[in-house]
Amino acid sequence: PTLNEERDLPELMASLAAQTFRDFE
């Protein structure tokens, strides 16, 4: 869930992009 998260969201997205497990949306 988000509301004006441009400061924090990129770091979460980066950690998701780095996941070794890939079967997710």
PDB file of all heavy atoms in Angstrom:
ATOM      1  N   PRO A   1       0.844  -1.195   0.000  1.00  0.00           N
ATOM      2  CA  PRO A   1       0.000   0.000   0.000  1.00  0.00           C
ATOM      3  C   PRO A   1       0.881   1.248   0.000  1.00  0.00           C
ATOM      4  O   PRO A   1       1.917   1.274   0.673  1.00  0.00           O
ATOM      5  CB  PRO A   1      -0.779  -0.123   1.315  1.00  0.00           C
ATOM      6  CG  PRO A   1       0.157  -0.865   2.220  1.00  0.00           C
ATOM      7  CD  PRO A   1       0.958  -1.795   1.334  1.00  0.00           C
ATOM      8  N   THR A   2       0.504   2.258  -0.771  1.00  0.00           N
ATOM      9  CA  THR A   2       1.345   3.459  -0.859  1.00  0.00           C
ATOM     10  C   THR A   2       0.537   4.747  -0.816  1.00  0.00           C
ATOM     11  O   THR A   2      -0.633   4.782  -1.189  1.00  0.00           O
ATOM     12  CB  THR A   2       2.173   3.466  -2.165  1.00  0.00           C
ATOM     13  OG1 THR A   2       1.275   3.435  -3.291  1.00  0.00           O
ATOM     14  CG2 THR A   2       3.123   2.289  -2.243  1.00  0.00           C
ATOM     15  N   LEU A   3       1.209   5.789  -0.377  1.00  0.00           N
ATOM     16  CA  LEU A   3       0.724   7.169  -0.482  1.00  0.00           C
ATOM     17  C   LEU A   3       1.953   8.074  -0.387  1.00  0.00           C
ATOM     18  O   LEU A   3       2.559   8.187   0.674  1.00  0.00           O
ATOM     19  CB  LEU A   3      -0.276   7.502   0.632  1.00  0.00           C
ATOM     20  CG  LEU A   3      -0.750   8.970   0.651  1.00  0.00           C
ATOM     21  CD1 LEU A   3      -1.476   9.318  -0.654  1.00  0.00           C
ATOM     22  CD2 LEU A   3      -1.651   9.249   1.854  1.00  0.00           C
ATOM     23  N   ASN A   4       2.335   8.644  -1.514  1.00  0.00           N
ATOM     24  CA  ASN A   4       3.486   9.549  -1.577  1.00  0.00           C
ATOM     25  C   ASN A   4       4.758   8.904  -1.010  1.00  0.00           C
ATOM     26  O   ASN A   4       5.337   9.370  -0.034  1.00  0.00           O
ATOM     27  CB  ASN A   4       3.175  10.855  -0.841  1.00  0.00           C
ATOM     28  CG  ASN A   4       1.994  11.600  -1.453  1.00  0.00           C
ATOM     29  OD1 ASN A   4       1.802  11.571  -2.671  1.00  0.00           O
ATOM     30  ND2 ASN A   4       1.192  12.236  -0.613  1.00  0.00           N
ATOM     31  N   GLU A   5       5.171   7.839  -1.651  1.00  0.00           N
ATOM     32  CA  GLU A   5       6.306   7.049  -1.166  1.00  0.00           C
ATOM     33  C   GLU A   5       7.535   7.148  -2.079  1.00  0.00           C
ATOM     34  O   GLU A   5       8.354   6.235  -2.111  1.00  0.00           O
ATOM     35  CB  GLU A   5       5.892   5.579  -1.033  1.00  0.00           C
ATOM     36  CG  GLU A   5       4.826   5.310  -0.005  1.00  0.00           C
ATOM     37  CD  GLU A   5       5.334   5.400   1.426  1.00  0.00           C
ATOM     38  OE1 GLU A   5       6.515   5.750   1.614  1.00  0.00           O
ATOM     39  OE2 GLU A   5       4.549   5.128   2.348  1.00  0.00           O
ATOM     40  N   GLU A   6       7.678   8.238  -2.811  1.00  0.00           N
ATOM     41  CA  GLU A   6       8.785   8.332  -3.760  1.00  0.00           C
ATOM     42  C   GLU A   6      10.158   8.294  -3.084  1.00  0.00           C
ATOM     43  O   GLU A   6      11.150   7.919  -3.713  1.00  0.00           O
ATOM     44  CB  GLU A   6       8.677   9.608  -4.611  1.00  0.00           C
ATOM     45  CG  GLU A   6       8.880  10.904  -3.849  1.00  0.00           C
ATOM     46  CD  GLU A   6       8.835  12.121  -4.759  1.00  0.00           C
ATOM     47  OE1 GLU A   6       8.516  11.976  -5.949  1.00  0.00           O
ATOM     48  OE2 GLU A   6       9.126  13.238  -4.268  1.00  0.00           O
ATOM     49  N   ARG A   7      10.233   8.616  -1.822  1.00  0.00           N
ATOM     50  CA  ARG A   7      11.515   8.601  -1.127  1.00  0.00           C
ATOM     51  C   ARG A   7      11.942   7.179  -0.765  1.00  0.00           C
ATOM     52  O   ARG A   7      13.107   6.807  -0.932  1.00  0.00           O
ATOM     53  CB  ARG A   7      11.450   9.447   0.153  1.00  0.00           C
ATOM     54  CG  ARG A   7      12.817   9.642   0.803  1.00  0.00           C
ATOM     55  CD  ARG A   7      12.711  10.335   2.137  1.00  0.00           C
ATOM     56  NE  ARG A   7      12.186   9.441   3.169  1.00  0.00           N
ATOM     57  CZ  ARG A   7      12.114   9.747   4.463  1.00  0.00           C
ATOM     58  NH1 ARG A   7      12.480  10.942   4.873  1.00  0.00           N
ATOM     59  NH2 ARG A   7      11.635   8.887   5.335  1.00  0.00           N
ATOM     60  N   ASP A   8      11.013   6.375  -0.247  1.00  0.00           N
ATOM     61  CA  ASP A   8      11.364   5.049   0.267  1.00  0.00           C
ATOM     62  C   ASP A   8      11.160   3.916  -0.726  1.00  0.00           C
ATOM     63  O   ASP A   8      11.889   2.916  -0.690  1.00  0.00           O
ATOM     64  CB  ASP A   8      10.556   4.740   1.534  1.00  0.00           C
ATOM     65  CG  ASP A   8      10.944   5.634   2.693  1.00  0.00           C
ATOM     66  OD1 ASP A   8      12.142   5.697   2.995  1.00  0.00           O
ATOM     67  OD2 ASP A   8      10.059   6.261   3.297  1.00  0.00           O
ATOM     68  N   LEU A   9      10.174   4.047  -1.603  1.00  0.00           N
ATOM     69  CA  LEU A   9       9.813   2.943  -2.493  1.00  0.00           C
ATOM     70  C   LEU A   9      10.977   2.460  -3.373  1.00  0.00           C
ATOM     71  O   LEU A   9      11.105   1.244  -3.589  1.00  0.00           O
ATOM     72  CB  LEU A   9       8.614   3.331  -3.361  1.00  0.00           C
ATOM     73  CG  LEU A   9       8.000   2.212  -4.206  1.00  0.00           C
ATOM     74  CD1 LEU A   9       7.527   1.056  -3.342  1.00  0.00           C
ATOM     75  CD2 LEU A   9       6.833   2.761  -5.036  1.00  0.00           C
ATOM     76  N   PRO A  10      11.830   3.347  -3.900  1.00  0.00           N
ATOM     77  CA  PRO A  10      12.920   2.855  -4.759  1.00  0.00           C
ATOM     78  C   PRO A  10      13.824   1.831  -4.087  1.00  0.00           C
ATOM     79  O   PRO A  10      14.279   0.885  -4.744  1.00  0.00           O
ATOM     80  CB  PRO A  10      13.693   4.139  -5.111  1.00  0.00           C
ATOM     81  CG  PRO A  10      12.658   5.218  -5.047  1.00  0.00           C
ATOM     82  CD  PRO A  10      11.774   4.828  -3.894  1.00  0.00           C
ATOM     83  N   GLU A  11      14.068   1.983  -2.792  1.00  0.00           N
ATOM     84  CA  GLU A  11      14.955   1.039  -2.111  1.00  0.00           C
ATOM     85  C   GLU A  11      14.302  -0.332  -1.978  1.00  0.00           C
ATOM     86  O   GLU A  11      14.959  -1.366  -2.153  1.00  0.00           O
ATOM     87  CB  GLU A  11      15.379   1.573  -0.745  1.00  0.00           C
ATOM     88  CG  GLU A  11      16.548   0.827  -0.151  1.00  0.00           C
ATOM     89  CD  GLU A  11      17.183   1.523   1.038  1.00  0.00           C
ATOM     90  OE1 GLU A  11      16.678   2.581   1.466  1.00  0.00           O
ATOM     91  OE2 GLU A  11      18.185   0.987   1.546  1.00  0.00           O
ATOM     92  N   LEU A  12      13.004  -0.355  -1.694  1.00  0.00           N
ATOM     93  CA  LEU A  12      12.300  -1.634  -1.653  1.00  0.00           C
ATOM     94  C   LEU A  12      12.303  -2.276  -3.032  1.00  0.00           C
ATOM     95  O   LEU A  12      12.562  -3.482  -3.168  1.00  0.00           O
ATOM     96  CB  LEU A  12      10.863  -1.448  -1.164  1.00  0.00           C
ATOM     97  CG  LEU A  12       9.942  -2.674  -1.279  1.00  0.00           C
ATOM     98  CD1 LEU A  12      10.517  -3.879  -0.545  1.00  0.00           C
ATOM     99  CD2 LEU A  12       8.539  -2.349  -0.780  1.00  0.00           C
ATOM    100  N   MET A  13      12.021  -1.483  -4.056  1.00  0.00           N
ATOM    101  CA  MET A  13      12.003  -2.021  -5.417  1.00  0.00           C
ATOM    102  C   MET A  13      13.367  -2.574  -5.813  1.00  0.00           C
ATOM    103  O   MET A  13      13.460  -3.615  -6.474  1.00  0.00           O
ATOM    104  CB  MET A  13      11.549  -0.930  -6.395  1.00  0.00           C
ATOM    105  CG  MET A  13      10.079  -0.582  -6.290  1.00  0.00           C
ATOM    106  SD  MET A  13       9.014  -2.004  -6.667  1.00  0.00           S
ATOM    107  CE  MET A  13       7.394  -1.260  -6.529  1.00  0.00           C
ATOM    108  N   ALA A  14      14.421  -1.894  -5.403  1.00  0.00           N
ATOM    109  CA  ALA A  14      15.769  -2.376  -5.708  1.00  0.00           C
ATOM    110  C   ALA A  14      16.038  -3.707  -5.020  1.00  0.00           C
ATOM    111  O   ALA A  14      16.645  -4.617  -5.602  1.00  0.00           O
ATOM    112  CB  ALA A  14      16.805  -1.339  -5.287  1.00  0.00           C
ATOM    113  N   SER A  15      15.568  -3.845  -3.787  1.00  0.00           N
ATOM    114  CA  SER A  15      15.795  -5.109  -3.068  1.00  0.00           C
ATOM    115  C   SER A  15      14.942  -6.231  -3.647  1.00  0.00           C
ATOM    116  O   SER A  15      15.326  -7.401  -3.590  1.00  0.00           O
ATOM    117  CB  SER A  15      15.539  -4.933  -1.565  1.00  0.00           C
ATOM    118  OG  SER A  15      14.167  -4.763  -1.277  1.00  0.00           O
ATOM    119  N   LEU A  16      13.794  -5.905  -4.229  1.00  0.00           N
ATOM    120  CA  LEU A  16      12.980  -6.918  -4.907  1.00  0.00           C
ATOM    121  C   LEU A  16      13.631  -7.340  -6.223  1.00  0.00           C
ATOM    122  O   LEU A  16      13.633  -8.519  -6.584  1.00  0.00           O
ATOM    123  CB  LEU A  16      11.563  -6.395  -5.157  1.00  0.00           C
ATOM    124  CG  LEU A  16      10.670  -6.251  -3.922  1.00  0.00           C
ATOM    125  CD1 LEU A  16       9.373  -5.545  -4.276  1.00  0.00           C
ATOM    126  CD2 LEU A  16      10.379  -7.613  -3.310  1.00  0.00           C
ATOM    127  N   ALA A  17      14.194  -6.376  -6.935  1.00  0.00           N
ATOM    128  CA  ALA A  17      14.866  -6.683  -8.198  1.00  0.00           C
ATOM    129  C   ALA A  17      16.071  -7.596  -7.992  1.00  0.00           C
ATOM    130  O   ALA A  17      16.448  -8.357  -8.887  1.00  0.00           O
ATOM    131  CB  ALA A  17      15.303  -5.390  -8.884  1.00  0.00           C
ATOM    132  N   ALA A  18      16.658  -7.532  -6.788  1.00  0.00           N
ATOM    133  CA  ALA A  18      17.854  -8.321  -6.488  1.00  0.00           C
ATOM    134  C   ALA A  18      17.538  -9.711  -5.933  1.00  0.00           C
ATOM    135  O   ALA A  18      18.455 -10.489  -5.657  1.00  0.00           O
ATOM    136  CB  ALA A  18      18.730  -7.559  -5.491  1.00  0.00           C
ATOM    137  N   GLN A  19      16.264 -10.048  -5.786  1.00  0.00           N
ATOM    138  CA  GLN A  19      15.897 -11.332  -5.190  1.00  0.00           C
ATOM    139  C   GLN A  19      16.375 -12.508  -6.042  1.00  0.00           C
ATOM    140  O   GLN A  19      16.238 -12.505  -7.266  1.00  0.00           O
ATOM    141  CB  GLN A  19      14.386 -11.428  -4.994  1.00  0.00           C
ATOM    142  CG  GLN A  19      13.819 -10.502  -3.937  1.00  0.00           C
ATOM    143  CD  GLN A  19      14.368 -10.805  -2.557  1.00  0.00           C
ATOM    144  OE1 GLN A  19      14.240 -11.908  -2.034  1.00  0.00           O
ATOM    145  NE2 GLN A  19      14.996  -9.795  -1.959  1.00  0.00           N
ATOM    146  N   THR A  20      16.881 -13.530  -5.382  1.00  0.00           N
ATOM    147  CA  THR A  20      17.305 -14.735  -6.087  1.00  0.00           C
ATOM    148  C   THR A  20      16.100 -15.562  -6.528  1.00  0.00           C
ATOM    149  O   THR A  20      16.166 -16.280  -7.521  1.00  0.00           O
ATOM    150  CB  THR A  20      18.211 -15.595  -5.193  1.00  0.00           C
ATOM    151  OG1 THR A  20      17.521 -15.908  -3.973  1.00  0.00           O
ATOM    152  CG2 THR A  20      19.499 -14.842  -4.852  1.00  0.00           C
ATOM    153  N   PHE A  21      15.002 -15.472  -5.816  1.00  0.00           N
ATOM    154  CA  PHE A  21      13.737 -16.134  -6.155  1.00  0.00           C
ATOM    155  C   PHE A  21      12.962 -15.193  -7.076  1.00  0.00           C
ATOM    156  O   PHE A  21      12.791 -14.008  -6.749  1.00  0.00           O
ATOM    157  CB  PHE A  21      12.950 -16.417  -4.873  1.00  0.00           C
ATOM    158  CG  PHE A  21      11.612 -17.071  -5.087  1.00  0.00           C
ATOM    159  CD1 PHE A  21      11.503 -18.454  -5.078  1.00  0.00           C
ATOM    160  CD2 PHE A  21      10.468 -16.313  -5.278  1.00  0.00           C
ATOM    161  CE1 PHE A  21      10.269 -19.069  -5.256  1.00  0.00           C
ATOM    162  CE2 PHE A  21       9.238 -16.917  -5.462  1.00  0.00           C
ATOM    163  CZ  PHE A  21       9.135 -18.304  -5.451  1.00  0.00           C
ATOM    164  N   ARG A  22      12.483 -15.683  -8.216  1.00  0.00           N
ATOM    165  CA  ARG A  22      11.912 -14.792  -9.217  1.00  0.00           C
ATOM    166  C   ARG A  22      10.427 -15.021  -9.513  1.00  0.00           C
ATOM    167  O   ARG A  22       9.843 -14.246 -10.284  1.00  0.00           O
ATOM    168  CB  ARG A  22      12.690 -14.926 -10.533  1.00  0.00           C
ATOM    169  CG  ARG A  22      14.174 -14.650 -10.440  1.00  0.00           C
ATOM    170  CD  ARG A  22      14.494 -13.288  -9.844  1.00  0.00           C
ATOM    171  NE  ARG A  22      13.795 -12.201 -10.502  1.00  0.00           N
ATOM    172  CZ  ARG A  22      13.693 -10.965 -10.009  1.00  0.00           C
ATOM    173  NH1 ARG A  22      14.220 -10.672  -8.836  1.00  0.00           N
ATOM    174  NH2 ARG A  22      13.059 -10.025 -10.665  1.00  0.00           N
ATOM    175  N   ASP A  23       9.807 -16.037  -8.936  1.00  0.00           N
ATOM    176  CA  ASP A  23       8.418 -16.352  -9.285  1.00  0.00           C
ATOM    177  C   ASP A  23       7.444 -15.496  -8.465  1.00  0.00           C
ATOM    178  O   ASP A  23       6.716 -15.990  -7.612  1.00  0.00           O
ATOM    179  CB  ASP A  23       8.149 -17.840  -9.070  1.00  0.00           C
ATOM    180  CG  ASP A  23       6.802 -18.284  -9.632  1.00  0.00           C
ATOM    181  OD1 ASP A  23       6.206 -17.524 -10.428  1.00  0.00           O
ATOM    182  OD2 ASP A  23       6.338 -19.384  -9.268  1.00  0.00           O
ATOM    183  N   PHE A  24       7.474 -14.204  -8.728  1.00  0.00           N
ATOM    184  CA  PHE A  24       6.589 -13.293  -7.986  1.00  0.00           C
ATOM    185  C   PHE A  24       6.119 -12.145  -8.868  1.00  0.00           C
ATOM    186  O   PHE A  24       6.719 -11.842  -9.899  1.00  0.00           O
ATOM    187  CB  PHE A  24       7.289 -12.750  -6.731  1.00  0.00           C
ATOM    188  CG  PHE A  24       8.463 -11.837  -6.997  1.00  0.00           C
ATOM    189  CD1 PHE A  24       8.287 -10.466  -7.132  1.00  0.00           C
ATOM    190  CD2 PHE A  24       9.755 -12.344  -7.104  1.00  0.00           C
ATOM    191  CE1 PHE A  24       9.366  -9.618  -7.371  1.00  0.00           C
ATOM    192  CE2 PHE A  24      10.845 -11.524  -7.340  1.00  0.00           C
ATOM    193  CZ  PHE A  24      10.650 -10.145  -7.475  1.00  0.00           C
ATOM    194  N   GLU A  25       5.045 -11.535  -8.428  1.00  0.00           N
ATOM    195  CA  GLU A  25       4.531 -10.307  -9.031  1.00  0.00           C
ATOM    196  C   GLU A  25       4.482  -9.234  -7.963  1.00  0.00           C
ATOM    197  O   GLU A  25       4.468  -9.533  -6.758  1.00  0.00           O
ATOM    198  CB  GLU A  25       3.128 -10.526  -9.612  1.00  0.00           C
ATOM    199  CG  GLU A  25       2.080 -10.877  -8.553  1.00  0.00           C
ATOM    200  CD  GLU A  25       0.663 -10.982  -9.105  1.00  0.00           C
ATOM    201  OE1 GLU A  25       0.416 -10.511 -10.232  1.00  0.00           O
ATOM    202  OE2 GLU A  25      -0.215 -11.502  -8.369  1.00  0.00           O
TER     203      GLU A  25
END
